[in-house]
Amino acid sequence: MLSALISLYVTVDDGHDYNSIYLRAGNSRVSKLDCLYHHFKCPPSGIVTRHALAHAYGDMTWETILGDYDNIPNLLQNKTDLQVWHRRDPKEFTHRFNEYNKNDTQKAYPHFTNRSITAASGKCVEYDVDKEVESSKVGEISASKFKYRNQTFSDTIKIPELALGNEGTTYIYRGKAPTGAASDPRVVCGDRCMYMWVFRNKRNPKIYQCPITVGNVRNAEHLEHNVPDGVARLVAVSIALQGQFRWNSKKDRDFEQFQWYANG
């Protein structure tokens, strides 16, 4: 999630010399997340592709070296050259922002600032998945329809076959609207919080509904340091996005998306 955040950031602080602070444009290195960049046109077929339109950072996140921390003040004092840190209780990841100085002839930069941003997972709701699976479709794509339940709730979910695999995990954005405009309570849990739906296709399949909150940038000194609510929402579910929508039966755009990871 946080890896996605860095590339979605529009402008970043590019450091400072003794007299001024300057900015540089950020680089977007992720797939087109909602087709608006296509002038509202999307590829005509294939609402899900396993690799070609996968989230640009999806598999790379598994290779990221993570640091451990117990609280933010201690993290900011740490001199280890790591940008992404995590802790298990509460379950969260924190990114430390770098600072660059183009006038630094001694090459002492980049160095870490005291700015950071955290993505945290709340308590997940766990559902059992029935062994009986129905054949179905998502748009024109073959899909499996799963029944899931716990002690208080039951429902069904359709997942395209291209987004399924044994011993893997499918991350699901269940919103019909783009992340910034979503209002479905199955999807939205706050201004900067989104529910991530997860299908673990192990020997004993499970479905999880987990609230992911992306906080504000700590110690932001300039407006450009901030991450807007819309970007925070996008980041919260970014691991599930593969960049396409489909037209539903009412000829409306449906932004529900699925992403499969072999070792997730």
C-alpha atoms as a PDB file:
ATOM      1  CA  MET A   1       0.000   0.000   0.000  1.00  0.00           C
ATOM      2  CA  LEU A   2       2.618   2.483   1.040  1.00  0.00           C
ATOM      3  CA  SER A   3       4.776   1.600  -1.938  1.00  0.00           C
ATOM      4  CA  ALA A   4       1.852   2.571  -4.125  1.00  0.00           C
ATOM      5  CA  LEU A   5       1.435   5.792  -2.211  1.00  0.00           C
ATOM      6  CA  ILE A   6       4.895   7.030  -3.115  1.00  0.00           C
ATOM      7  CA  SER A   7       4.290   6.773  -6.831  1.00  0.00           C
ATOM      8  CA  LEU A   8       0.815   8.248  -6.648  1.00  0.00           C
ATOM      9  CA  TYR A   9       2.126  11.309  -4.875  1.00  0.00           C
ATOM     10  CA  VAL A  10       1.865  14.247  -7.270  1.00  0.00           C
ATOM     11  CA  THR A  11       4.575  16.487  -5.858  1.00  0.00           C
ATOM     12  CA  VAL A  12       7.224  15.821  -3.272  1.00  0.00           C
ATOM     13  CA  ASP A  13       9.571  17.942  -1.235  1.00  0.00           C
ATOM     14  CA  ASP A  14      12.886  17.855  -3.070  1.00  0.00           C
ATOM     15  CA  GLY A  15      14.924  19.054  -0.143  1.00  0.00           C
ATOM     16  CA  HIS A  16      16.326  22.442   0.726  1.00  0.00           C
ATOM     17  CA  ASP A  17      19.532  24.388   0.685  1.00  0.00           C
ATOM     18  CA  TYR A  18      20.344  27.156   3.133  1.00  0.00           C
ATOM     19  CA  ASN A  19      18.024  29.638   1.470  1.00  0.00           C
ATOM     20  CA  SER A  20      15.036  27.949  -0.075  1.00  0.00           C
ATOM     21  CA  ILE A  21      12.800  24.920  -0.417  1.00  0.00           C
ATOM     22  CA  TYR A  22      11.901  23.578  -3.827  1.00  0.00           C
ATOM     23  CA  LEU A  23       9.636  20.928  -5.257  1.00  0.00           C
ATOM     24  CA  ARG A  24       9.800  18.466  -8.087  1.00  0.00           C
ATOM     25  CA  ALA A  25       7.043  16.566  -9.858  1.00  0.00           C
ATOM     26  CA  GLY A  26       6.399  13.024  -8.716  1.00  0.00           C
ATOM     27  CA  ASN A  27       6.488  10.095 -11.122  1.00  0.00           C
ATOM     28  CA  SER A  28       3.452   7.915 -11.611  1.00  0.00           C
ATOM     29  CA  ARG A  29       4.557   4.331 -12.162  1.00  0.00           C
ATOM     30  CA  VAL A  30       1.320   2.482 -11.538  1.00  0.00           C
ATOM     31  CA  SER A  31      -1.329   1.233 -13.929  1.00  0.00           C
ATOM     32  CA  LYS A  32      -4.233   3.476 -14.862  1.00  0.00           C
ATOM     33  CA  LEU A  33      -6.359   2.984 -11.785  1.00  0.00           C
ATOM     34  CA  ASP A  34      -9.788   4.109 -12.933  1.00  0.00           C
ATOM     35  CA  CYS A  35      -9.685   4.598 -16.721  1.00  0.00           C
ATOM     36  CA  LEU A  36     -10.290   8.326 -16.449  1.00  0.00           C
ATOM     37  CA  TYR A  37      -6.849   8.740 -17.948  1.00  0.00           C
ATOM     38  CA  HIS A  38      -8.175   6.926 -21.011  1.00  0.00           C
ATOM     39  CA  HIS A  39     -10.714   9.692 -21.599  1.00  0.00           C
ATOM     40  CA  PHE A  40     -13.376   7.403 -20.098  1.00  0.00           C
ATOM     41  CA  LYS A  41     -12.484   4.614 -22.507  1.00  0.00           C
ATOM     42  CA  CYS A  42     -11.118   1.263 -21.427  1.00  0.00           C
ATOM     43  CA  PRO A  43      -9.838  -1.762 -23.330  1.00  0.00           C
ATOM     44  CA  PRO A  44     -12.933  -3.503 -24.719  1.00  0.00           C
ATOM     45  CA  SER A  45     -12.276  -6.912 -23.200  1.00  0.00           C
ATOM     46  CA  GLY A  46     -10.584  -8.577 -20.274  1.00  0.00           C
ATOM     47  CA  ILE A  47     -11.794  -6.934 -17.067  1.00  0.00           C
ATOM     48  CA  VAL A  48      -9.148  -8.860 -15.157  1.00  0.00           C
ATOM     49  CA  THR A  49      -5.662  -9.880 -16.204  1.00  0.00           C
ATOM     50  CA  ARG A  50      -3.443 -11.768 -13.865  1.00  0.00           C
ATOM     51  CA  HIS A  51      -0.135 -10.083 -14.637  1.00  0.00           C
ATOM     52  CA  ALA A  52      -0.203  -7.512 -17.433  1.00  0.00           C
ATOM     53  CA  LEU A  53      -2.350  -4.990 -15.595  1.00  0.00           C
ATOM     54  CA  ALA A  54      -1.391  -6.084 -12.102  1.00  0.00           C
ATOM     55  CA  HIS A  55      -0.604  -3.418  -9.613  1.00  0.00           C
ATOM     56  CA  ALA A  56       2.864  -2.174 -10.493  1.00  0.00           C
ATOM     57  CA  TYR A  57       4.114  -2.707  -6.966  1.00  0.00           C
ATOM     58  CA  GLY A  58       2.127  -5.783  -6.035  1.00  0.00           C
ATOM     59  CA  ASP A  59       4.857  -8.392  -6.143  1.00  0.00           C
ATOM     60  CA  MET A  60       7.649  -5.932  -5.390  1.00  0.00           C
ATOM     61  CA  THR A  61       6.263  -5.343  -1.915  1.00  0.00           C
ATOM     62  CA  TRP A  62       7.218  -8.881  -0.969  1.00  0.00           C
ATOM     63  CA  GLU A  63      10.877  -8.018  -1.600  1.00  0.00           C
ATOM     64  CA  THR A  64      10.862  -4.839   0.490  1.00  0.00           C
ATOM     65  CA  ILE A  65      13.154  -4.920   3.514  1.00  0.00           C
ATOM     66  CA  LEU A  66      11.091  -3.820   6.491  1.00  0.00           C
ATOM     67  CA  GLY A  67      12.263  -2.326   9.737  1.00  0.00           C
ATOM     68  CA  ASP A  68      10.572  -3.002  13.072  1.00  0.00           C
ATOM     69  CA  TYR A  69       9.412  -0.222  15.372  1.00  0.00           C
ATOM     70  CA  ASP A  70       7.366   0.164  18.535  1.00  0.00           C
ATOM     71  CA  ASN A  71       6.414   3.842  18.316  1.00  0.00           C
ATOM     72  CA  ILE A  72       6.847   6.809  15.981  1.00  0.00           C
ATOM     73  CA  PRO A  73       9.284   8.873  18.107  1.00  0.00           C
ATOM     74  CA  ASN A  74      11.690   5.938  18.295  1.00  0.00           C
ATOM     75  CA  LEU A  75      11.314   5.289  14.576  1.00  0.00           C
ATOM     76  CA  LEU A  76      12.263   8.882  13.741  1.00  0.00           C
ATOM     77  CA  GLN A  77      15.407   8.560  15.850  1.00  0.00           C
ATOM     78  CA  ASN A  78      16.481   5.380  14.074  1.00  0.00           C
ATOM     79  CA  LYS A  79      19.440   5.830  11.694  1.00  0.00           C
ATOM     80  CA  THR A  80      18.866   2.647   9.696  1.00  0.00           C
ATOM     81  CA  ASP A  81      18.586   3.350   5.969  1.00  0.00           C
ATOM     82  CA  LEU A  82      15.074   1.961   5.515  1.00  0.00           C
ATOM     83  CA  GLN A  83      11.997   3.746   4.256  1.00  0.00           C
ATOM     84  CA  VAL A  84       9.279   1.241   5.170  1.00  0.00           C
ATOM     85  CA  TRP A  85       8.721   0.051   8.740  1.00  0.00           C
ATOM     86  CA  HIS A  86       6.122  -2.167  10.342  1.00  0.00           C
ATOM     87  CA  ARG A  87       4.828  -3.362  13.663  1.00  0.00           C
ATOM     88  CA  ARG A  88       2.383  -6.113  14.496  1.00  0.00           C
ATOM     89  CA  ASP A  89       0.462  -4.617  17.411  1.00  0.00           C
ATOM     90  CA  PRO A  90      -1.269  -2.599  16.174  1.00  0.00           C
ATOM     91  CA  LYS A  91      -0.812  -3.964  12.650  1.00  0.00           C
ATOM     92  CA  GLU A  92       0.533  -1.080  10.590  1.00  0.00           C
ATOM     93  CA  PHE A  93       3.170   0.097   8.121  1.00  0.00           C
ATOM     94  CA  THR A  94       4.894   3.469   8.221  1.00  0.00           C
ATOM     95  CA  HIS A  95       6.806   5.177   5.423  1.00  0.00           C
ATOM     96  CA  ARG A  96       9.551   7.717   6.187  1.00  0.00           C
ATOM     97  CA  PHE A  97      10.015  10.466   3.630  1.00  0.00           C
ATOM     98  CA  ASN A  98      13.423  11.160   2.114  1.00  0.00           C
ATOM     99  CA  GLU A  99      14.766  14.617   1.389  1.00  0.00           C
ATOM    100  CA  TYR A 100      17.092  15.474  -1.496  1.00  0.00           C
ATOM    101  CA  ASN A 101      19.291  18.516  -2.000  1.00  0.00           C
ATOM    102  CA  LYS A 102      20.500  19.200  -5.540  1.00  0.00           C
ATOM    103  CA  ASN A 103      23.071  21.688  -4.186  1.00  0.00           C
ATOM    104  CA  ASP A 104      24.648  19.110  -1.918  1.00  0.00           C
ATOM    105  CA  THR A 105      28.116  18.668  -3.438  1.00  0.00           C
ATOM    106  CA  GLN A 106      29.254  16.484  -0.547  1.00  0.00           C
ATOM    107  CA  LYS A 107      26.500  13.998  -1.333  1.00  0.00           C
ATOM    108  CA  ALA A 108      25.379  13.802   2.257  1.00  0.00           C
ATOM    109  CA  TYR A 109      21.803  13.593   1.032  1.00  0.00           C
ATOM    110  CA  PRO A 110      19.343  11.962   0.752  1.00  0.00           C
ATOM    111  CA  HIS A 111      18.496  11.812   4.414  1.00  0.00           C
ATOM    112  CA  PHE A 112      15.288  11.100   6.241  1.00  0.00           C
ATOM    113  CA  THR A 113      13.009  13.903   7.340  1.00  0.00           C
ATOM    114  CA  ASN A 114      10.751  13.779  10.381  1.00  0.00           C
ATOM    115  CA  ARG A 115       7.762  13.336   8.068  1.00  0.00           C
ATOM    116  CA  SER A 116       6.038   9.980   7.959  1.00  0.00           C
ATOM    117  CA  ILE A 117       2.721   8.421   7.018  1.00  0.00           C
ATOM    118  CA  THR A 118       1.110   5.253   8.332  1.00  0.00           C
ATOM    119  CA  ALA A 119      -1.319   2.701   6.904  1.00  0.00           C
ATOM    120  CA  ALA A 120      -2.986   0.642   9.607  1.00  0.00           C
ATOM    121  CA  SER A 121      -5.315  -2.345   9.577  1.00  0.00           C
ATOM    122  CA  GLY A 122      -8.161  -2.560  12.054  1.00  0.00           C
ATOM    123  CA  LYS A 123      -9.696  -5.784  13.304  1.00  0.00           C
ATOM    124  CA  CYS A 124     -10.726  -7.992  10.392  1.00  0.00           C
ATOM    125  CA  VAL A 125     -14.051  -9.788  10.164  1.00  0.00           C
ATOM    126  CA  GLU A 126     -13.520 -13.438   9.250  1.00  0.00           C
ATOM    127  CA  TYR A 127     -15.952 -15.552   7.222  1.00  0.00           C
ATOM    128  CA  ASP A 128     -16.010 -19.263   6.478  1.00  0.00           C
ATOM    129  CA  VAL A 129     -16.422 -20.225   2.818  1.00  0.00           C
ATOM    130  CA  ASP A 130     -18.770 -23.030   1.785  1.00  0.00           C
ATOM    131  CA  LYS A 131     -17.163 -25.873  -0.136  1.00  0.00           C
ATOM    132  CA  GLU A 132     -19.972 -25.803  -2.693  1.00  0.00           C
ATOM    133  CA  VAL A 133     -19.064 -23.386  -5.510  1.00  0.00           C
ATOM    134  CA  GLU A 134     -21.388 -22.260  -8.311  1.00  0.00           C
ATOM    135  CA  SER A 135     -20.290 -21.343 -11.835  1.00  0.00           C
ATOM    136  CA  SER A 136     -21.120 -17.754 -12.680  1.00  0.00           C
ATOM    137  CA  LYS A 137     -19.912 -14.718 -14.591  1.00  0.00           C
ATOM    138  CA  VAL A 138     -18.586 -11.259 -13.815  1.00  0.00           C
ATOM    139  CA  GLY A 139     -19.551  -9.302 -16.892  1.00  0.00           C
ATOM    140  CA  GLU A 140     -18.510 -11.621 -19.709  1.00  0.00           C
ATOM    141  CA  ILE A 141     -15.752 -13.328 -17.720  1.00  0.00           C
ATOM    142  CA  SER A 142     -16.162 -16.814 -16.228  1.00  0.00           C
ATOM    143  CA  ALA A 143     -16.308 -16.653 -12.458  1.00  0.00           C
ATOM    144  CA  SER A 144     -16.943 -18.704  -9.343  1.00  0.00           C
ATOM    145  CA  LYS A 145     -19.688 -17.756  -6.916  1.00  0.00           C
ATOM    146  CA  PHE A 146     -18.770 -18.380  -3.292  1.00  0.00           C
ATOM    147  CA  LYS A 147     -21.030 -18.430  -0.256  1.00  0.00           C
ATOM    148  CA  TYR A 148     -19.477 -17.043   2.909  1.00  0.00           C
ATOM    149  CA  ARG A 149     -20.794 -16.768   6.446  1.00  0.00           C
ATOM    150  CA  ASN A 150     -20.034 -16.273  10.106  1.00  0.00           C
ATOM    151  CA  GLN A 151     -22.266 -16.392  13.193  1.00  0.00           C
ATOM    152  CA  THR A 152     -24.063 -13.145  12.367  1.00  0.00           C
ATOM    153  CA  PHE A 153     -23.959 -12.661   8.594  1.00  0.00           C
ATOM    154  CA  SER A 154     -23.951 -14.517   5.274  1.00  0.00           C
ATOM    155  CA  ASP A 155     -23.665 -13.455   1.649  1.00  0.00           C
ATOM    156  CA  THR A 156     -22.188 -14.441  -1.712  1.00  0.00           C
ATOM    157  CA  ILE A 157     -19.376 -13.077  -3.819  1.00  0.00           C
ATOM    158  CA  LYS A 158     -18.375 -13.645  -7.442  1.00  0.00           C
ATOM    159  CA  ILE A 159     -14.672 -13.806  -8.285  1.00  0.00           C
ATOM    160  CA  PRO A 160     -13.416 -14.120 -11.886  1.00  0.00           C
ATOM    161  CA  GLU A 161     -11.498 -17.314 -12.632  1.00  0.00           C
ATOM    162  CA  LEU A 162      -8.554 -15.227 -13.823  1.00  0.00           C
ATOM    163  CA  ALA A 163      -8.299 -13.791 -10.316  1.00  0.00           C
ATOM    164  CA  LEU A 164      -8.234 -17.170  -8.568  1.00  0.00           C
ATOM    165  CA  GLY A 165      -5.465 -19.646  -7.915  1.00  0.00           C
ATOM    166  CA  ASN A 166      -4.660 -22.475  -5.516  1.00  0.00           C
ATOM    167  CA  GLU A 167      -2.634 -21.505  -2.467  1.00  0.00           C
ATOM    168  CA  GLY A 168      -2.964 -17.826  -3.405  1.00  0.00           C
ATOM    169  CA  THR A 169      -4.812 -14.749  -2.239  1.00  0.00           C
ATOM    170  CA  THR A 170      -7.283 -12.568  -4.127  1.00  0.00           C
ATOM    171  CA  TYR A 171      -7.613  -8.952  -3.007  1.00  0.00           C
ATOM    172  CA  ILE A 172     -10.951  -7.385  -3.894  1.00  0.00           C
ATOM    173  CA  TYR A 173     -12.234  -3.843  -4.230  1.00  0.00           C
ATOM    174  CA  ARG A 174     -16.018  -4.293  -4.024  1.00  0.00           C
ATOM    175  CA  GLY A 175     -16.979  -0.711  -4.806  1.00  0.00           C
ATOM    176  CA  LYS A 176     -19.122   0.023  -7.818  1.00  0.00           C
ATOM    177  CA  ALA A 177     -17.916   3.649  -7.886  1.00  0.00           C
ATOM    178  CA  PRO A 178     -14.302   4.910  -8.017  1.00  0.00           C
ATOM    179  CA  THR A 179     -12.583   4.909  -4.635  1.00  0.00           C
ATOM    180  CA  GLY A 180     -12.930   8.669  -4.154  1.00  0.00           C
ATOM    181  CA  ALA A 181     -16.681   8.612  -4.772  1.00  0.00           C
ATOM    182  CA  ALA A 182     -17.507   5.315  -3.050  1.00  0.00           C
ATOM    183  CA  SER A 183     -20.229   5.355  -0.393  1.00  0.00           C
ATOM    184  CA  ASP A 184     -21.154   1.666  -0.071  1.00  0.00           C
ATOM    185  CA  PRO A 185     -20.775   0.676   3.623  1.00  0.00           C
ATOM    186  CA  ARG A 186     -19.245  -2.618   2.476  1.00  0.00           C
ATOM    187  CA  VAL A 187     -16.386  -0.547   1.066  1.00  0.00           C
ATOM    188  CA  VAL A 188     -16.080   2.715   3.001  1.00  0.00           C
ATOM    189  CA  CYS A 189     -15.249   2.965   6.703  1.00  0.00           C
ATOM    190  CA  GLY A 190     -14.171   6.632   6.911  1.00  0.00           C
ATOM    191  CA  ASP A 191     -12.770   9.625   5.040  1.00  0.00           C
ATOM    192  CA  ARG A 192      -9.382   7.889   4.795  1.00  0.00           C
ATOM    193  CA  CYS A 193     -10.522   4.324   5.504  1.00  0.00           C
ATOM    194  CA  MET A 194     -11.571   1.584   3.076  1.00  0.00           C
ATOM    195  CA  TYR A 195     -12.511  -2.047   3.586  1.00  0.00           C
ATOM    196  CA  MET A 196     -10.176  -4.495   1.882  1.00  0.00           C
ATOM    197  CA  TRP A 197     -11.878  -7.785   1.018  1.00  0.00           C
ATOM    198  CA  VAL A 198      -9.562 -10.781   0.876  1.00  0.00           C
ATOM    199  CA  PHE A 199     -10.138 -14.340  -0.339  1.00  0.00           C
ATOM    200  CA  ARG A 200      -7.533 -16.768   0.997  1.00  0.00           C
ATOM    201  CA  ASN A 201      -7.688 -19.838  -1.247  1.00  0.00           C
ATOM    202  CA  LYS A 202      -5.908 -22.276   1.035  1.00  0.00           C
ATOM    203  CA  ARG A 203      -6.960 -25.752   2.157  1.00  0.00           C
ATOM    204  CA  ASN A 204      -9.556 -24.116   4.377  1.00  0.00           C
ATOM    205  CA  PRO A 205     -10.676 -21.060   2.355  1.00  0.00           C
ATOM    206  CA  LYS A 206     -11.536 -17.878   4.223  1.00  0.00           C
ATOM    207  CA  ILE A 207     -12.841 -14.435   3.342  1.00  0.00           C
ATOM    208  CA  TYR A 208     -11.787 -11.407   5.366  1.00  0.00           C
ATOM    209  CA  GLN A 209     -13.120  -7.860   5.516  1.00  0.00           C
ATOM    210  CA  CYS A 210     -10.381  -5.598   6.890  1.00  0.00           C
ATOM    211  CA  PRO A 211     -10.578  -1.822   7.483  1.00  0.00           C
ATOM    212  CA  ILE A 212      -7.432  -0.089   6.173  1.00  0.00           C
ATOM    213  CA  THR A 213      -6.803   3.491   7.276  1.00  0.00           C
ATOM    214  CA  VAL A 214      -4.144   5.738   5.739  1.00  0.00           C
ATOM    215  CA  GLY A 215      -3.299   8.517   8.162  1.00  0.00           C
ATOM    216  CA  ASN A 216      -2.234  12.089   7.526  1.00  0.00           C
ATOM    217  CA  VAL A 217       1.386  13.013   6.955  1.00  0.00           C
ATOM    218  CA  ARG A 218       3.016  13.765  10.288  1.00  0.00           C
ATOM    219  CA  ASN A 219       5.055  16.943  10.647  1.00  0.00           C
ATOM    220  CA  ALA A 220       3.978  18.306   7.257  1.00  0.00           C
ATOM    221  CA  GLU A 221       5.477  21.771   6.807  1.00  0.00           C
ATOM    222  CA  HIS A 222       3.967  22.663   3.437  1.00  0.00           C
ATOM    223  CA  LEU A 223       0.660  22.041   1.720  1.00  0.00           C
ATOM    224  CA  GLU A 224       2.424  19.862  -0.840  1.00  0.00           C
ATOM    225  CA  HIS A 225       3.497  17.455   1.897  1.00  0.00           C
ATOM    226  CA  ASN A 226      -0.086  16.426   2.570  1.00  0.00           C
ATOM    227  CA  VAL A 227      -1.794  13.394   1.046  1.00  0.00           C
ATOM    228  CA  PRO A 228      -5.458  14.190   0.199  1.00  0.00           C
ATOM    229  CA  ASP A 229      -8.305  11.999   1.405  1.00  0.00           C
ATOM    230  CA  GLY A 230      -8.988  10.758  -2.133  1.00  0.00           C
ATOM    231  CA  VAL A 231      -5.423   9.538  -2.570  1.00  0.00           C
ATOM    232  CA  ALA A 232      -5.497   7.951   0.892  1.00  0.00           C
ATOM    233  CA  ARG A 233      -8.599   5.971  -0.082  1.00  0.00           C
ATOM    234  CA  LEU A 234      -6.985   4.901  -3.328  1.00  0.00           C
ATOM    235  CA  VAL A 235      -3.884   3.741  -1.512  1.00  0.00           C
ATOM    236  CA  ALA A 236      -5.869   1.815   1.097  1.00  0.00           C
ATOM    237  CA  VAL A 237      -7.209  -0.603  -1.544  1.00  0.00           C
ATOM    238  CA  SER A 238      -4.445  -0.237  -4.130  1.00  0.00           C
ATOM    239  CA  ILE A 239      -3.272  -3.834  -3.843  1.00  0.00           C
ATOM    240  CA  ALA A 240      -6.643  -4.906  -5.295  1.00  0.00           C
ATOM    241  CA  LEU A 241      -6.748  -2.485  -8.228  1.00  0.00           C
ATOM    242  CA  GLN A 242      -5.887  -3.560 -11.767  1.00  0.00           C
ATOM    243  CA  GLY A 243      -7.060  -0.476 -13.553  1.00  0.00           C
ATOM    244  CA  GLN A 244     -10.246  -1.255 -15.455  1.00  0.00           C
ATOM    245  CA  PHE A 245     -13.974  -0.944 -15.075  1.00  0.00           C
ATOM    246  CA  ARG A 246     -16.763  -2.756 -16.875  1.00  0.00           C
ATOM    247  CA  TRP A 247     -20.207  -1.683 -18.021  1.00  0.00           C
ATOM    248  CA  ASN A 248     -23.045  -3.190 -15.983  1.00  0.00           C
ATOM    249  CA  SER A 249     -26.515  -4.112 -17.222  1.00  0.00           C
ATOM    250  CA  LYS A 250     -27.713  -0.552 -16.652  1.00  0.00           C
ATOM    251  CA  LYS A 251     -24.903   0.794 -18.839  1.00  0.00           C
ATOM    252  CA  ASP A 252     -23.221   2.329 -15.807  1.00  0.00           C
ATOM    253  CA  ARG A 253     -19.539   1.961 -15.090  1.00  0.00           C
ATOM    254  CA  ASP A 254     -18.721  -0.661 -12.445  1.00  0.00           C
ATOM    255  CA  PHE A 255     -15.322  -0.269 -10.778  1.00  0.00           C
ATOM    256  CA  GLU A 256     -15.281  -3.536  -8.809  1.00  0.00           C
ATOM    257  CA  GLN A 257     -11.786  -5.000  -9.237  1.00  0.00           C
ATOM    258  CA  PHE A 258      -9.850  -8.138  -8.313  1.00  0.00           C
ATOM    259  CA  GLN A 259      -6.153  -8.920  -8.033  1.00  0.00           C
ATOM    260  CA  TRP A 260      -4.587 -12.325  -7.415  1.00  0.00           C
ATOM    261  CA  TYR A 261      -1.196 -12.900  -5.784  1.00  0.00           C
ATOM    262  CA  ALA A 262       0.326 -16.349  -5.924  1.00  0.00           C
ATOM    263  CA  ASN A 263       2.050 -16.160  -2.552  1.00  0.00           C
ATOM    264  CA  GLY A 264      -0.157 -13.605  -0.839  1.00  0.00           C
END
